[in-house]
N, C-alpha and C. Protein backbone atom coordinates (compact mmCIF):
# COMPACT_ATOMS: atom_id res chain seq x y z
N UNK A 1 -43.54 42.07 -61.33
CA UNK A 1 -43.91 42.49 -59.71
C UNK A 1 -43.13 43.99 -59.64
N UNK A 2 -43.95 44.93 -59.28
CA UNK A 2 -43.30 46.19 -59.13
C UNK A 2 -42.44 46.17 -58.03
N UNK A 3 -41.30 47.48 -57.89
CA UNK A 3 -40.95 47.44 -56.97
C UNK A 3 -41.44 47.56 -55.32
N UNK A 4 -41.17 46.98 -54.49
CA UNK A 4 -42.37 46.90 -53.17
C UNK A 4 -40.99 47.52 -52.12
N UNK A 5 -41.56 48.17 -51.18
CA UNK A 5 -40.88 48.36 -49.73
C UNK A 5 -40.75 47.12 -49.01
N UNK A 6 -39.79 46.76 -48.31
CA UNK A 6 -39.73 45.51 -47.27
C UNK A 6 -40.89 45.83 -46.47
N UNK A 7 -41.71 46.62 -46.18
CA UNK A 7 -42.42 46.83 -45.10
C UNK A 7 -43.82 47.20 -45.63
N UNK A 8 -43.82 46.92 -46.99
CA UNK A 8 -45.09 46.86 -47.92
C UNK A 8 -46.15 46.13 -47.50
N UNK A 9 -47.22 46.47 -46.56
CA UNK A 9 -48.15 45.51 -46.06
C UNK A 9 -49.27 45.54 -47.31
N UNK A 10 -49.33 46.39 -47.74
CA UNK A 10 -50.39 46.10 -48.98
C UNK A 10 -49.77 45.07 -50.27
N UNK A 11 -48.58 45.05 -50.52
CA UNK A 11 -48.09 43.76 -51.04
C UNK A 11 -48.09 42.57 -50.75
N UNK A 12 -47.55 42.38 -49.20
CA UNK A 12 -47.96 41.32 -48.58
C UNK A 12 -49.18 40.69 -48.43
N UNK A 13 -50.30 41.47 -48.53
CA UNK A 13 -51.40 41.08 -48.52
C UNK A 13 -51.93 40.54 -49.74
N UNK A 14 -51.51 41.33 -50.70
CA UNK A 14 -52.02 41.27 -52.17
C UNK A 14 -51.33 39.59 -52.61
N UNK A 15 -50.20 39.17 -52.20
CA UNK A 15 -49.40 38.11 -52.55
C UNK A 15 -50.22 37.12 -51.75
N UNK A 16 -50.31 37.60 -50.35
CA UNK A 16 -50.57 36.16 -49.30
C UNK A 16 -52.12 35.55 -50.05
N UNK A 17 -53.03 36.88 -50.46
CA UNK A 17 -54.50 36.44 -50.86
C UNK A 17 -54.12 35.34 -52.12
N UNK A 18 -53.26 36.28 -53.38
CA UNK A 18 -53.30 35.49 -54.30
C UNK A 18 -52.56 34.11 -54.28
N UNK A 19 -51.93 33.84 -53.50
CA UNK A 19 -51.04 31.99 -53.15
C UNK A 19 -52.07 31.63 -52.46
N UNK A 20 -53.13 32.40 -51.39
CA UNK A 20 -54.27 31.59 -50.83
C UNK A 20 -53.48 30.75 -49.49
N UNK A 21 -52.58 32.09 -48.96
CA UNK A 21 -51.74 31.19 -47.82
C UNK A 21 -52.75 31.97 -46.49
N UNK A 22 -52.63 31.59 -45.18
CA UNK A 22 -53.10 31.70 -44.56
C UNK A 22 -52.11 32.06 -43.27
N UNK A 23 -52.69 33.35 -42.45
CA UNK A 23 -51.56 33.31 -41.44
C UNK A 23 -50.99 32.27 -40.69
N UNK A 24 -51.82 31.37 -40.55
CA UNK A 24 -51.24 30.25 -39.85
C UNK A 24 -49.96 29.34 -40.52
N UNK A 25 -50.35 29.30 -41.91
CA UNK A 25 -49.56 28.69 -42.79
C UNK A 25 -47.63 29.91 -42.60
N UNK A 26 -47.77 30.90 -42.67
CA UNK A 26 -47.05 31.79 -42.61
C UNK A 26 -46.02 31.79 -41.43
N UNK A 27 -47.04 31.62 -40.29
CA UNK A 27 -46.51 31.75 -39.21
C UNK A 27 -45.71 30.39 -38.90
N UNK A 28 -46.34 29.48 -39.37
CA UNK A 28 -45.70 27.68 -39.08
C UNK A 28 -44.41 28.03 -40.05
N UNK A 29 -44.22 28.46 -41.00
CA UNK A 29 -43.19 28.61 -42.14
C UNK A 29 -41.94 29.35 -41.35
N UNK A 30 -42.41 30.65 -40.82
CA UNK A 30 -41.59 31.44 -40.06
C UNK A 30 -41.06 30.84 -38.67
N UNK A 31 -41.66 30.22 -38.32
CA UNK A 31 -41.48 29.31 -36.59
C UNK A 31 -42.10 30.31 -35.57
N UNK A 32 -42.86 31.34 -35.95
CA UNK A 32 -43.68 32.20 -35.05
C UNK A 32 -44.95 31.93 -34.62
N UNK A 33 -45.37 32.92 -33.52
CA UNK A 33 -46.61 32.65 -33.03
C UNK A 33 -47.51 33.56 -34.22
N UNK A 34 -48.80 33.05 -34.41
CA UNK A 34 -49.60 33.46 -35.70
C UNK A 34 -49.99 35.17 -34.98
N UNK A 35 -50.13 35.37 -34.03
CA UNK A 35 -50.32 36.83 -33.46
C UNK A 35 -49.69 37.62 -33.78
N UNK A 36 -48.18 37.07 -33.96
CA UNK A 36 -47.07 38.44 -34.56
C UNK A 36 -47.21 38.39 -35.93
N UNK A 37 -47.85 37.50 -36.62
CA UNK A 37 -47.95 37.53 -38.21
C UNK A 37 -49.05 38.56 -38.15
N UNK A 38 -50.08 38.12 -37.59
CA UNK A 38 -51.45 38.97 -37.69
C UNK A 38 -51.16 40.39 -37.70
N UNK A 39 -50.20 40.64 -36.84
CA UNK A 39 -50.10 42.11 -36.36
C UNK A 39 -49.04 42.89 -37.33
N UNK A 40 -48.38 41.84 -38.12
CA UNK A 40 -47.44 42.62 -38.95
C UNK A 40 -48.33 43.27 -40.34
N UNK A 41 -49.27 42.30 -40.27
CA UNK A 41 -50.12 42.42 -41.75
C UNK A 41 -51.27 43.51 -41.48
N UNK A 42 -51.80 43.86 -40.02
CA UNK A 42 -52.55 44.78 -39.98
C UNK A 42 -51.86 46.22 -39.34
N UNK A 43 -50.74 46.06 -39.34
CA UNK A 43 -49.97 47.43 -39.03
C UNK A 43 -49.71 47.47 -37.77
N UNK A 44 -50.17 46.82 -36.95
CA UNK A 44 -50.16 47.15 -35.31
C UNK A 44 -48.79 47.15 -34.74
N UNK A 45 -47.99 46.23 -35.40
CA UNK A 45 -46.49 45.71 -35.25
C UNK A 45 -45.34 46.02 -36.69
N UNK A 46 -44.60 46.20 -36.79
CA UNK A 46 -43.33 45.99 -37.93
C UNK A 46 -42.60 45.11 -37.59
N UNK A 47 -42.35 43.91 -38.37
CA UNK A 47 -41.69 42.78 -37.85
C UNK A 47 -40.12 43.26 -37.98
N UNK A 48 -39.20 42.93 -37.39
CA UNK A 48 -37.74 43.34 -37.65
C UNK A 48 -37.09 42.94 -39.16
N UNK A 49 -36.19 43.74 -39.29
CA UNK A 49 -35.57 43.43 -40.69
C UNK A 49 -35.36 41.83 -41.32
N UNK A 50 -34.74 40.99 -40.20
CA UNK A 50 -34.74 40.05 -40.53
C UNK A 50 -35.78 38.87 -40.75
N UNK A 51 -36.90 39.13 -39.91
CA UNK A 51 -38.07 38.81 -39.83
C UNK A 51 -38.97 39.18 -40.96
N UNK A 52 -38.69 40.37 -41.62
CA UNK A 52 -39.12 41.28 -42.95
C UNK A 52 -38.97 40.45 -44.14
N UNK A 53 -37.40 39.93 -43.99
CA UNK A 53 -36.78 39.32 -45.22
C UNK A 53 -37.34 37.67 -45.43
N UNK A 54 -37.81 37.14 -44.20
CA UNK A 54 -37.83 35.84 -43.87
C UNK A 54 -39.26 35.88 -44.54
N UNK A 55 -40.45 36.87 -44.35
CA UNK A 55 -41.38 36.89 -44.87
C UNK A 55 -41.59 37.19 -46.29
N UNK A 56 -40.63 37.98 -46.81
CA UNK A 56 -40.79 38.17 -48.23
C UNK A 56 -40.54 37.03 -49.00
N UNK A 57 -39.32 35.98 -48.34
CA UNK A 57 -38.92 34.76 -48.62
C UNK A 57 -39.71 33.90 -48.90
N UNK A 58 -40.91 34.05 -47.60
CA UNK A 58 -42.42 32.91 -47.71
C UNK A 58 -43.23 33.27 -48.77
N UNK A 59 -43.43 34.41 -49.00
CA UNK A 59 -44.21 34.88 -49.88
C UNK A 59 -43.91 35.16 -51.39
N UNK A 60 -42.50 34.59 -51.53
CA UNK A 60 -42.05 34.77 -52.86
C UNK A 60 -41.62 35.68 -53.41
N UNK A 61 -41.50 37.08 -52.60
CA UNK A 61 -41.08 38.22 -52.99
C UNK A 61 -39.89 38.33 -53.28
N UNK A 62 -39.36 38.70 -54.61
CA UNK A 62 -37.70 38.62 -54.82
C UNK A 62 -37.33 40.01 -53.91
N UNK A 63 -36.08 39.37 -53.27
CA UNK A 63 -35.61 40.50 -52.06
C UNK A 63 -35.34 41.74 -53.13
N UNK A 64 -34.44 41.51 -54.45
CA UNK A 64 -34.08 42.37 -55.08
C UNK A 64 -35.06 43.54 -55.32
N UNK A 65 -36.42 42.95 -55.38
CA UNK A 65 -37.78 43.85 -55.64
C UNK A 65 -37.95 44.92 -54.26
N UNK A 66 -37.24 44.25 -53.32
CA UNK A 66 -37.69 45.00 -51.87
C UNK A 66 -36.46 45.80 -51.38
N UNK A 67 -35.31 45.41 -51.72
CA UNK A 67 -34.31 46.04 -51.12
C UNK A 67 -33.61 47.45 -52.08
N UNK A 68 -33.84 47.45 -53.30
CA UNK A 68 -33.47 48.36 -54.26
C UNK A 68 -33.54 49.91 -53.52
N UNK A 69 -35.08 50.11 -53.02
CA UNK A 69 -35.03 51.54 -52.69
C UNK A 69 -35.05 51.55 -51.32
N UNK A 70 -34.06 50.91 -50.45
CA UNK A 70 -33.30 51.18 -49.11
C UNK A 70 -32.37 51.76 -49.40
N UNK A 71 -31.99 53.07 -48.90
CA UNK A 71 -31.29 54.06 -49.02
C UNK A 71 -30.30 54.27 -47.38
N UNK A 72 -30.63 53.84 -46.67
CA UNK A 72 -29.90 54.18 -45.44
C UNK A 72 -28.94 53.54 -45.16
N UNK A 73 -27.59 53.76 -44.96
CA UNK A 73 -26.27 52.95 -45.11
C UNK A 73 -26.44 52.19 -44.17
N UNK A 74 -26.69 52.35 -42.92
CA UNK A 74 -26.80 51.59 -41.85
C UNK A 74 -27.48 49.86 -42.06
N UNK A 75 -28.56 50.40 -42.79
CA UNK A 75 -29.71 49.21 -42.97
C UNK A 75 -28.83 48.37 -43.95
N UNK A 76 -28.34 49.06 -45.02
CA UNK A 76 -27.47 48.54 -46.20
C UNK A 76 -26.62 47.47 -45.75
N UNK A 77 -25.85 48.24 -44.72
CA UNK A 77 -24.85 47.47 -44.32
C UNK A 77 -25.04 46.24 -43.64
N UNK A 78 -26.35 46.45 -42.49
CA UNK A 78 -26.84 45.25 -41.83
C UNK A 78 -27.31 44.20 -43.19
N UNK A 79 -28.01 44.03 -44.03
CA UNK A 79 -28.36 43.71 -45.16
C UNK A 79 -27.44 42.74 -45.76
N UNK A 80 -26.09 43.57 -45.94
CA UNK A 80 -25.14 42.82 -46.36
C UNK A 80 -24.48 41.94 -45.80
N UNK A 81 -24.59 42.03 -44.54
CA UNK A 81 -23.97 40.87 -43.40
C UNK A 81 -25.30 39.90 -43.35
N UNK A 82 -26.30 40.11 -43.36
CA UNK A 82 -27.33 39.25 -43.32
C UNK A 82 -27.73 38.35 -44.54
N UNK A 83 -27.74 38.83 -45.59
CA UNK A 83 -27.90 37.99 -46.62
C UNK A 83 -26.82 37.27 -47.50
C-alpha cells in the first residue's frame, strides 16, 4: 500500500470498496452515527484526528502509512500521546 494521508478519502473509499464494507458496518465498528461516517467519505466534514486513526484501523490501513507524512510538530506530539 502506498503512503496515504490520514485524511485521504480516495484511499478510504478504495479500501472500503475492496473489503466490501458498508457505511453502516464502519459506523457500528466506530460506535458512531452512520451520518458522520458518510460525511467523512463525501468530504462534507473531516473526522477528528482520533476518529481518523480509528477509521484507519477499521479499514486496515497501517498507521505507519498514514502518519509518516505528517510534519506539524503539534499534531505529531498529539499522536505520540494517543498512540
